[in-house]
């Protein structure tokens, strides 16, 4: 994780009141790792949901005789959280 991302996570945890300033670095690292795992799972679920919604839209569009639906994805799934891909 890049230092700027770590800083944002620490600020968010302090703001939310889930972290005190006296936390050990190891505890913070473990907490951030758990949060990343939870966020990654939520992102995978959201991506799967959106792809499923698009497939259903495509099927409805084909059934109505309007032709296929098109999708454009400019990037790599899982890279949305990196600044250089936003």
PDB file of N, CA and C in Angstrom:
ATOM      1  N   UNK A   1       0.858  -1.184   0.000  1.00  0.00           N
ATOM      2  CA  UNK A   1       0.000   0.000   0.000  1.00  0.00           C
ATOM      3  C   UNK A   1       0.893   1.232   0.000  1.00  0.00           C
ATOM      4  N   UNK A   2       0.543   2.197  -0.796  1.00  0.00           N
ATOM      5  CA  UNK A   2       1.323   3.425  -0.885  1.00  0.00           C
ATOM      6  C   UNK A   2       1.163   4.254   0.388  1.00  0.00           C
ATOM      7  N   UNK A   3       2.189   5.042   0.749  1.00  0.00           N
ATOM      8  CA  UNK A   3       2.114   5.861   1.968  1.00  0.00           C
ATOM      9  C   UNK A   3       0.909   6.789   2.006  1.00  0.00           C
ATOM     10  N   UNK A   4       0.532   7.366   0.875  1.00  0.00           N
ATOM     11  CA  UNK A   4      -0.603   8.289   0.895  1.00  0.00           C
ATOM     12  C   UNK A   4      -1.892   7.540   1.229  1.00  0.00           C
ATOM     13  N   UNK A   5      -2.000   6.308   0.750  1.00  0.00           N
ATOM     14  CA  UNK A   5      -3.180   5.504   1.060  1.00  0.00           C
ATOM     15  C   UNK A   5      -3.194   5.150   2.544  1.00  0.00           C
ATOM     16  N   UNK A   6      -2.047   4.773   3.096  1.00  0.00           N
ATOM     17  CA  UNK A   6      -1.961   4.485   4.531  1.00  0.00           C
ATOM     18  C   UNK A   6      -2.428   5.703   5.327  1.00  0.00           C
ATOM     19  N   UNK A   7      -1.958   6.870   4.916  1.00  0.00           N
ATOM     20  CA  UNK A   7      -2.333   8.089   5.629  1.00  0.00           C
ATOM     21  C   UNK A   7      -3.826   8.318   5.603  1.00  0.00           C
ATOM     22  N   UNK A   8      -4.451   8.085   4.449  1.00  0.00           N
ATOM     23  CA  UNK A   8      -5.906   8.263   4.352  1.00  0.00           C
ATOM     24  C   UNK A   8      -6.640   7.277   5.241  1.00  0.00           C
ATOM     25  N   UNK A   9      -6.145   6.037   5.281  1.00  0.00           N
ATOM     26  CA  UNK A   9      -6.787   5.023   6.125  1.00  0.00           C
ATOM     27  C   UNK A   9      -6.667   5.404   7.594  1.00  0.00           C
ATOM     28  N   UNK A  10      -5.501   5.845   8.018  1.00  0.00           N
ATOM     29  CA  UNK A  10      -5.303   6.237   9.413  1.00  0.00           C
ATOM     30  C   UNK A  10      -6.210   7.408   9.770  1.00  0.00           C
ATOM     31  N   UNK A  11      -6.273   8.402   8.913  1.00  0.00           N
ATOM     32  CA  UNK A  11      -7.136   9.555   9.172  1.00  0.00           C
ATOM     33  C   UNK A  11      -8.597   9.099   9.258  1.00  0.00           C
ATOM     34  N   UNK A  12      -9.009   8.216   8.347  1.00  0.00           N
ATOM     35  CA  UNK A  12     -10.394   7.726   8.368  1.00  0.00           C
ATOM     36  C   UNK A  12     -10.685   6.959   9.653  1.00  0.00           C
ATOM     37  N   UNK A  13      -9.750   6.135  10.085  1.00  0.00           N
ATOM     38  CA  UNK A  13      -9.955   5.366  11.325  1.00  0.00           C
ATOM     39  C   UNK A  13      -9.992   6.290  12.540  1.00  0.00           C
ATOM     40  N   UNK A  14      -9.119   7.289  12.575  1.00  0.00           N
ATOM     41  CA  UNK A  14      -9.131   8.233  13.690  1.00  0.00           C
ATOM     42  C   UNK A  14     -10.435   9.021  13.714  1.00  0.00           C
ATOM     43  N   UNK A  15     -10.875   9.457  12.540  1.00  0.00           N
ATOM     44  CA  UNK A  15     -12.113  10.229  12.434  1.00  0.00           C
ATOM     45  C   UNK A  15     -13.318   9.415  12.864  1.00  0.00           C
ATOM     46  N   UNK A  16     -13.331   8.140  12.475  1.00  0.00           N
ATOM     47  CA  UNK A  16     -14.462   7.265  12.808  1.00  0.00           C
ATOM     48  C   UNK A  16     -14.457   6.847  14.279  1.00  0.00           C
ATOM     49  N   UNK A  17     -13.362   7.114  14.960  1.00  0.00           N
ATOM     50  CA  UNK A  17     -13.286   6.748  16.371  1.00  0.00           C
ATOM     51  C   UNK A  17     -12.963   5.282  16.598  1.00  0.00           C
ATOM     52  N   UNK A  18     -12.544   4.566  15.541  1.00  0.00           N
ATOM     53  CA  UNK A  18     -12.217   3.148  15.689  1.00  0.00           C
ATOM     54  C   UNK A  18     -10.739   2.930  15.970  1.00  0.00           C
ATOM     55  N   UNK A  19     -10.006   4.007  16.083  1.00  0.00           N
ATOM     56  CA  UNK A  19      -8.574   3.922  16.300  1.00  0.00           C
ATOM     57  C   UNK A  19      -8.159   5.033  17.253  1.00  0.00           C
ATOM     58  N   UNK A  20      -7.294   4.699  18.182  1.00  0.00           N
ATOM     59  CA  UNK A  20      -6.763   5.726  19.074  1.00  0.00           C
ATOM     60  C   UNK A  20      -5.335   6.033  18.640  1.00  0.00           C
ATOM     61  N   UNK A  21      -4.836   7.156  19.041  1.00  0.00           N
ATOM     62  CA  UNK A  21      -3.493   7.559  18.631  1.00  0.00           C
ATOM     63  C   UNK A  21      -2.407   6.694  19.265  1.00  0.00           C
ATOM     64  N   UNK A  22      -2.726   5.925  20.284  1.00  0.00           N
ATOM     65  CA  UNK A  22      -1.715   5.118  20.962  1.00  0.00           C
ATOM     66  C   UNK A  22      -1.655   3.685  20.421  1.00  0.00           C
ATOM     67  N   UNK A  23      -2.227   3.435  19.282  1.00  0.00           N
ATOM     68  CA  UNK A  23      -2.250   2.089  18.714  1.00  0.00           C
ATOM     69  C   UNK A  23      -0.849   1.681  18.249  1.00  0.00           C
ATOM     70  N   UNK A  24      -0.544   0.400  18.413  1.00  0.00           N
ATOM     71  CA  UNK A  24       0.750  -0.107  17.952  1.00  0.00           C
ATOM     72  C   UNK A  24       0.733  -0.269  16.439  1.00  0.00           C
ATOM     73  N   UNK A  25       1.890  -0.133  15.818  1.00  0.00           N
ATOM     74  CA  UNK A  25       1.996  -0.254  14.363  1.00  0.00           C
ATOM     75  C   UNK A  25       1.505  -1.616  13.889  1.00  0.00           C
ATOM     76  N   UNK A  26       1.818  -2.673  14.615  1.00  0.00           N
ATOM     77  CA  UNK A  26       1.387  -4.023  14.228  1.00  0.00           C
ATOM     78  C   UNK A  26      -0.133  -4.143  14.263  1.00  0.00           C
ATOM     79  N   UNK A  27      -0.757  -3.572  15.308  1.00  0.00           N
ATOM     80  CA  UNK A  27      -2.215  -3.603  15.404  1.00  0.00           C
ATOM     81  C   UNK A  27      -2.848  -2.829  14.247  1.00  0.00           C
ATOM     82  N   UNK A  28      -2.269  -1.686  13.925  1.00  0.00           N
ATOM     83  CA  UNK A  28      -2.776  -0.878  12.824  1.00  0.00           C
ATOM     84  C   UNK A  28      -2.645  -1.638  11.508  1.00  0.00           C
ATOM     85  N   UNK A  29      -1.510  -2.262  11.301  1.00  0.00           N
ATOM     86  CA  UNK A  29      -1.287  -3.030  10.080  1.00  0.00           C
ATOM     87  C   UNK A  29      -2.306  -4.158   9.958  1.00  0.00           C
ATOM     88  N   UNK A  30      -2.578  -4.859  11.055  1.00  0.00           N
ATOM     89  CA  UNK A  30      -3.556  -5.947  11.045  1.00  0.00           C
ATOM     90  C   UNK A  30      -4.955  -5.422  10.765  1.00  0.00           C
ATOM     91  N   UNK A  31      -5.299  -4.293  11.367  1.00  0.00           N
ATOM     92  CA  UNK A  31      -6.624  -3.699  11.156  1.00  0.00           C
ATOM     93  C   UNK A  31      -6.799  -3.280   9.696  1.00  0.00           C
ATOM     94  N   UNK A  32      -5.775  -2.668   9.131  1.00  0.00           N
ATOM     95  CA  UNK A  32      -5.837  -2.231   7.738  1.00  0.00           C
ATOM     96  C   UNK A  32      -5.939  -3.445   6.814  1.00  0.00           C
ATOM     97  N   UNK A  33      -5.193  -4.486   7.111  1.00  0.00           N
ATOM     98  CA  UNK A  33      -5.248  -5.694   6.283  1.00  0.00           C
ATOM     99  C   UNK A  33      -6.648  -6.297   6.296  1.00  0.00           C
ATOM    100  N   UNK A  34      -7.284  -6.355   7.461  1.00  0.00           N
ATOM    101  CA  UNK A  34      -8.661  -6.874   7.551  1.00  0.00           C
ATOM    102  C   UNK A  34      -9.626  -5.984   6.765  1.00  0.00           C
ATOM    103  N   UNK A  35      -9.447  -4.667   6.877  1.00  0.00           N
ATOM    104  CA  UNK A  35     -10.309  -3.747   6.137  1.00  0.00           C
ATOM    105  C   UNK A  35     -10.130  -3.929   4.633  1.00  0.00           C
ATOM    106  N   UNK A  36      -8.893  -4.097   4.187  1.00  0.00           N
ATOM    107  CA  UNK A  36      -8.639  -4.307   2.764  1.00  0.00           C
ATOM    108  C   UNK A  36      -9.314  -5.586   2.279  1.00  0.00           C
ATOM    109  N   UNK A  37      -9.253  -6.646   3.079  1.00  0.00           N
ATOM    110  CA  UNK A  37      -9.890  -7.898   2.697  1.00  0.00           C
ATOM    111  C   UNK A  37     -11.404  -7.728   2.580  1.00  0.00           C
ATOM    112  N   UNK A  38     -11.993  -7.025   3.535  1.00  0.00           N
ATOM    113  CA  UNK A  38     -13.430  -6.784   3.496  1.00  0.00           C
ATOM    114  C   UNK A  38     -13.804  -5.925   2.286  1.00  0.00           C
ATOM    115  N   UNK A  39     -13.032  -4.883   2.020  1.00  0.00           N
ATOM    116  CA  UNK A  39     -13.307  -4.018   0.873  1.00  0.00           C
ATOM    117  C   UNK A  39     -13.148  -4.770  -0.441  1.00  0.00           C
ATOM    118  N   UNK A  40     -12.124  -5.613  -0.537  1.00  0.00           N
ATOM    119  CA  UNK A  40     -11.927  -6.389  -1.758  1.00  0.00           C
ATOM    120  C   UNK A  40     -13.112  -7.310  -2.005  1.00  0.00           C
ATOM    121  N   UNK A  41     -13.623  -7.928  -0.964  1.00  0.00           N
ATOM    122  CA  UNK A  41     -14.786  -8.804  -1.109  1.00  0.00           C
ATOM    123  C   UNK A  41     -16.003  -7.994  -1.560  1.00  0.00           C
ATOM    124  N   UNK A  42     -16.196  -6.825  -0.974  1.00  0.00           N
ATOM    125  CA  UNK A  42     -17.330  -5.975  -1.369  1.00  0.00           C
ATOM    126  C   UNK A  42     -17.183  -5.523  -2.827  1.00  0.00           C
ATOM    127  N   UNK A  43     -15.959  -5.200  -3.251  1.00  0.00           N
ATOM    128  CA  UNK A  43     -15.737  -4.784  -4.637  1.00  0.00           C
ATOM    129  C   UNK A  43     -16.038  -5.926  -5.597  1.00  0.00           C
ATOM    130  N   UNK A  44     -15.595  -7.147  -5.237  1.00  0.00           N
ATOM    131  CA  UNK A  44     -15.876  -8.302  -6.103  1.00  0.00           C
ATOM    132  C   UNK A  44     -17.381  -8.526  -6.226  1.00  0.00           C
ATOM    133  N   UNK A  45     -18.088  -8.424  -5.107  1.00  0.00           N
ATOM    134  CA  UNK A  45     -19.537  -8.605  -5.125  1.00  0.00           C
ATOM    135  C   UNK A  45     -20.217  -7.537  -5.986  1.00  0.00           C
ATOM    136  N   UNK A  46     -19.796  -6.290  -5.849  1.00  0.00           N
ATOM    137  CA  UNK A  46     -20.379  -5.201  -6.631  1.00  0.00           C
ATOM    138  C   UNK A  46     -20.093  -5.395  -8.120  1.00  0.00           C
ATOM    139  N   UNK A  47     -18.856  -5.763  -8.446  1.00  0.00           N
ATOM    140  CA  UNK A  47     -18.515  -5.994  -9.853  1.00  0.00           C
ATOM    141  C   UNK A  47     -19.358  -7.124 -10.430  1.00  0.00           C
ATOM    142  N   UNK A  48     -19.513  -8.216  -9.691  1.00  0.00           N
ATOM    143  CA  UNK A  48     -20.327  -9.339 -10.159  1.00  0.00           C
ATOM    144  C   UNK A  48     -21.779  -8.902 -10.347  1.00  0.00           C
ATOM    145  N   UNK A  49     -22.294  -8.115  -9.422  1.00  0.00           N
ATOM    146  CA  UNK A  49     -23.675  -7.619  -9.519  1.00  0.00           C
ATOM    147  C   UNK A  49     -23.847  -6.766 -10.769  1.00  0.00           C
ATOM    148  N   UNK A  50     -22.914  -5.835 -11.001  1.00  0.00           N
ATOM    149  CA  UNK A  50     -23.029  -4.936 -12.143  1.00  0.00           C
ATOM    150  C   UNK A  50     -22.892  -5.694 -13.468  1.00  0.00           C
ATOM    151  N   UNK A  51     -22.017  -6.672 -13.527  1.00  0.00           N
ATOM    152  CA  UNK A  51     -21.890  -7.478 -14.742  1.00  0.00           C
ATOM    153  C   UNK A  51     -23.186  -8.253 -14.972  1.00  0.00           C
ATOM    154  N   UNK A  52     -23.758  -8.811 -13.904  1.00  0.00           N
ATOM    155  CA  UNK A  52     -25.032  -9.518 -14.019  1.00  0.00           C
ATOM    156  C   UNK A  52     -26.153  -8.609 -14.501  1.00  0.00           C
ATOM    157  N   UNK A  53     -26.193  -7.382 -13.977  1.00  0.00           N
ATOM    158  CA  UNK A  53     -27.205  -6.410 -14.418  1.00  0.00           C
ATOM    159  C   UNK A  53     -27.029  -6.080 -15.896  1.00  0.00           C
ATOM    160  N   UNK A  54     -25.787  -5.944 -16.337  1.00  0.00           N
ATOM    161  CA  UNK A  54     -25.539  -5.652 -17.741  1.00  0.00           C
ATOM    162  C   UNK A  54     -25.985  -6.816 -18.623  1.00  0.00           C
ATOM    163  N   UNK A  55     -25.704  -8.033 -18.202  1.00  0.00           N
ATOM    164  CA  UNK A  55     -26.110  -9.207 -18.985  1.00  0.00           C
ATOM    165  C   UNK A  55     -27.628  -9.251 -19.110  1.00  0.00           C
ATOM    166  N   UNK A  56     -28.340  -8.978 -18.029  1.00  0.00           N
ATOM    167  CA  UNK A  56     -29.804  -8.960 -18.080  1.00  0.00           C
ATOM    168  C   UNK A  56     -30.308  -7.852 -19.003  1.00  0.00           C
ATOM    169  N   UNK A  57     -29.681  -6.691 -18.953  1.00  0.00           N
ATOM    170  CA  UNK A  57     -30.030  -5.580 -19.838  1.00  0.00           C
ATOM    171  C   UNK A  57     -29.826  -5.992 -21.299  1.00  0.00           C
ATOM    172  N   UNK A  58     -28.701  -6.627 -21.562  1.00  0.00           N
ATOM    173  CA  UNK A  58     -28.391  -7.098 -22.915  1.00  0.00           C
ATOM    174  C   UNK A  58     -29.471  -8.076 -23.395  1.00  0.00           C
ATOM    175  N   UNK A  59     -29.854  -9.006 -22.555  1.00  0.00           N
ATOM    176  CA  UNK A  59     -30.882  -9.989 -22.926  1.00  0.00           C
ATOM    177  C   UNK A  59     -32.212  -9.303 -23.242  1.00  0.00           C
ATOM    178  N   UNK A  60     -32.602  -8.336 -22.409  1.00  0.00           N
ATOM    179  CA  UNK A  60     -33.858  -7.603 -22.653  1.00  0.00           C
ATOM    180  C   UNK A  60     -33.783  -6.823 -23.967  1.00  0.00           C
ATOM    181  N   UNK A  61     -32.640  -6.221 -24.207  1.00  0.00           N
ATOM    182  CA  UNK A  61     -32.469  -5.424 -25.422  1.00  0.00           C
ATOM    183  C   UNK A  61     -32.548  -6.320 -26.665  1.00  0.00           C
ATOM    184  N   UNK A  62     -31.909  -7.465 -26.633  1.00  0.00           N
ATOM    185  CA  UNK A  62     -31.960  -8.421 -27.742  1.00  0.00           C
ATOM    186  C   UNK A  62     -33.402  -8.887 -27.952  1.00  0.00           C
ATOM    187  N   UNK A  63     -34.082  -9.229 -26.840  1.00  0.00           N
ATOM    188  CA  UNK A  63     -35.455  -9.733 -26.928  1.00  0.00           C
ATOM    189  C   UNK A  63     -36.404  -8.689 -27.522  1.00  0.00           C
ATOM    190  N   UNK A  64     -36.128  -7.423 -27.303  1.00  0.00           N
ATOM    191  CA  UNK A  64     -37.000  -6.370 -27.817  1.00  0.00           C
ATOM    192  C   UNK A  64     -36.679  -6.011 -29.272  1.00  0.00           C
ATOM    193  N   UNK A  65     -35.646  -6.633 -29.822  1.00  0.00           N
ATOM    194  CA  UNK A  65     -35.278  -6.376 -31.211  1.00  0.00           C
ATOM    195  C   UNK A  65     -34.432  -5.135 -31.415  1.00  0.00           C
ATOM    196  N   UNK A  66     -33.908  -4.574 -30.354  1.00  0.00           N
ATOM    197  CA  UNK A  66     -33.120  -3.341 -30.466  1.00  0.00           C
ATOM    198  C   UNK A  66     -31.628  -3.591 -30.660  1.00  0.00           C
ATOM    199  N   UNK A  67     -31.241  -4.840 -30.763  1.00  0.00           N
ATOM    200  CA  UNK A  67     -29.827  -5.158 -30.960  1.00  0.00           C
ATOM    201  C   UNK A  67     -29.088  -5.351 -29.655  1.00  0.00           C
ATOM    202  N   UNK A  68     -27.814  -5.666 -29.744  1.00  0.00           N
ATOM    203  CA  UNK A  68     -27.040  -5.967 -28.531  1.00  0.00           C
ATOM    204  C   UNK A  68     -26.684  -4.719 -27.726  1.00  0.00           C
ATOM    205  N   UNK A  69     -26.388  -4.941 -26.483  1.00  0.00           N
ATOM    206  CA  UNK A  69     -25.863  -3.882 -25.619  1.00  0.00           C
ATOM    207  C   UNK A  69     -24.340  -3.955 -25.690  1.00  0.00           C
ATOM    208  N   UNK A  70     -23.704  -2.821 -25.570  1.00  0.00           N
ATOM    209  CA  UNK A  70     -22.247  -2.774 -25.626  1.00  0.00           C
ATOM    210  C   UNK A  70     -21.711  -2.224 -24.313  1.00  0.00           C
ATOM    211  N   UNK A  71     -20.581  -2.764 -23.900  1.00  0.00           N
ATOM    212  CA  UNK A  71     -19.920  -2.285 -22.684  1.00  0.00           C
ATOM    213  C   UNK A  71     -18.499  -1.884 -23.039  1.00  0.00           C
ATOM    214  N   UNK A  72     -18.047  -0.823 -22.417  1.00  0.00           N
ATOM    215  CA  UNK A  72     -16.666  -0.377 -22.589  1.00  0.00           C
ATOM    216  C   UNK A  72     -16.038  -0.306 -21.211  1.00  0.00           C
ATOM    217  N   UNK A  73     -14.944  -0.999 -21.033  1.00  0.00           N
ATOM    218  CA  UNK A  73     -14.233  -0.970 -19.754  1.00  0.00           C
ATOM    219  C   UNK A  73     -12.805  -0.538 -20.035  1.00  0.00           C
ATOM    220  N   UNK A  74     -12.445   0.616 -19.544  1.00  0.00           N
ATOM    221  CA  UNK A  74     -11.119   1.169 -19.774  1.00  0.00           C
ATOM    222  C   UNK A  74     -10.266   0.951 -18.536  1.00  0.00           C
ATOM    223  N   UNK A  75      -9.727  -0.222 -18.411  1.00  0.00           N
ATOM    224  CA  UNK A  75      -8.888  -0.490 -17.262  1.00  0.00           C
ATOM    225  C   UNK A  75      -8.936  -1.936 -16.847  1.00  0.00           C
ATOM    226  N   UNK A  76      -8.405  -2.186 -15.673  1.00  0.00           N
ATOM    227  CA  UNK A  76      -8.319  -3.525 -15.136  1.00  0.00           C
ATOM    228  C   UNK A  76      -9.228  -3.608 -13.920  1.00  0.00           C
ATOM    229  N   UNK A  77     -10.062  -4.639 -13.838  1.00  0.00           N
ATOM    230  CA  UNK A  77     -10.872  -4.807 -12.636  1.00  0.00           C
ATOM    231  C   UNK A  77      -9.951  -4.920 -11.432  1.00  0.00           C
ATOM    232  N   UNK A  78     -10.308  -4.238 -10.349  1.00  0.00           N
ATOM    233  CA  UNK A  78      -9.501  -4.276  -9.140  1.00  0.00           C
ATOM    234  C   UNK A  78      -8.490  -3.150  -9.043  1.00  0.00           C
ATOM    235  N   UNK A  79      -8.442  -2.273 -10.036  1.00  0.00           N
ATOM    236  CA  UNK A  79      -7.480  -1.171 -10.008  1.00  0.00           C
ATOM    237  C   UNK A  79      -8.155   0.174  -9.776  1.00  0.00           C
ATOM    238  N   UNK A  80      -9.455   0.172  -9.560  1.00  0.00           N
ATOM    239  CA  UNK A  80     -10.195   1.423  -9.428  1.00  0.00           C
ATOM    240  C   UNK A  80      -9.734   2.262  -8.236  1.00  0.00           C
ATOM    241  N   UNK A  81      -9.233   1.595  -7.198  1.00  0.00           N
ATOM    242  CA  UNK A  81      -8.860   2.333  -5.986  1.00  0.00           C
ATOM    243  C   UNK A  81      -7.514   3.029  -6.109  1.00  0.00           C
ATOM    244  N   UNK A  82      -6.750   2.738  -7.145  1.00  0.00           N
ATOM    245  CA  UNK A  82      -5.434   3.364  -7.311  1.00  0.00           C
ATOM    246  C   UNK A  82      -5.603   4.699  -8.033  1.00  0.00           C
ATOM    247  N   UNK A  83      -4.961   5.729  -7.495  1.00  0.00           N
ATOM    248  CA  UNK A  83      -5.084   7.089  -8.051  1.00  0.00           C
ATOM    249  C   UNK A  83      -4.758   7.150  -9.535  1.00  0.00           C
ATOM    250  N   UNK A  84      -3.754   6.413  -9.967  1.00  0.00           N
ATOM    251  CA  UNK A  84      -3.362   6.511 -11.370  1.00  0.00           C
ATOM    252  C   UNK A  84      -4.396   5.917 -12.313  1.00  0.00           C
ATOM    253  N   UNK A  85      -5.366   5.166 -11.799  1.00  0.00           N
ATOM    254  CA  UNK A  85      -6.428   4.598 -12.624  1.00  0.00           C
ATOM    255  C   UNK A  85      -7.764   5.307 -12.439  1.00  0.00           C
ATOM    256  N   UNK A  86      -7.804   6.328 -11.615  1.00  0.00           N
ATOM    257  CA  UNK A  86      -9.090   6.991 -11.355  1.00  0.00           C
ATOM    258  C   UNK A  86      -9.294   8.169 -12.284  1.00  0.00           C
TER     259      UNK A  86
END
